[in-house]
């Protein structure tokens, strides 16, 4: 999932994993466990299924997380001519 051109979350096997940030952890409180979206991934906040139906909660969490992440890196286009 992208927000403001930043990767903020991954969906894997119908599970939501949001990047861990200090403001995100404060917003969520104890409503998450750390988990891994896939083998070899960095730990993320695994958001339980009952919170996936709460649109307001999810929108605020994604917004808070995006605001805490550094700006997206601009990829350089290589000229192979």
Foldseek 3Di string as FASTA:
>chain_A
DDDLNDDAWDAAPNWIFGADDPQLCVLCPPQFDWDARDPPHDTTTTHDPVCVVVPVSVVVSSVSRVVRDDDDDDDDDDDPD
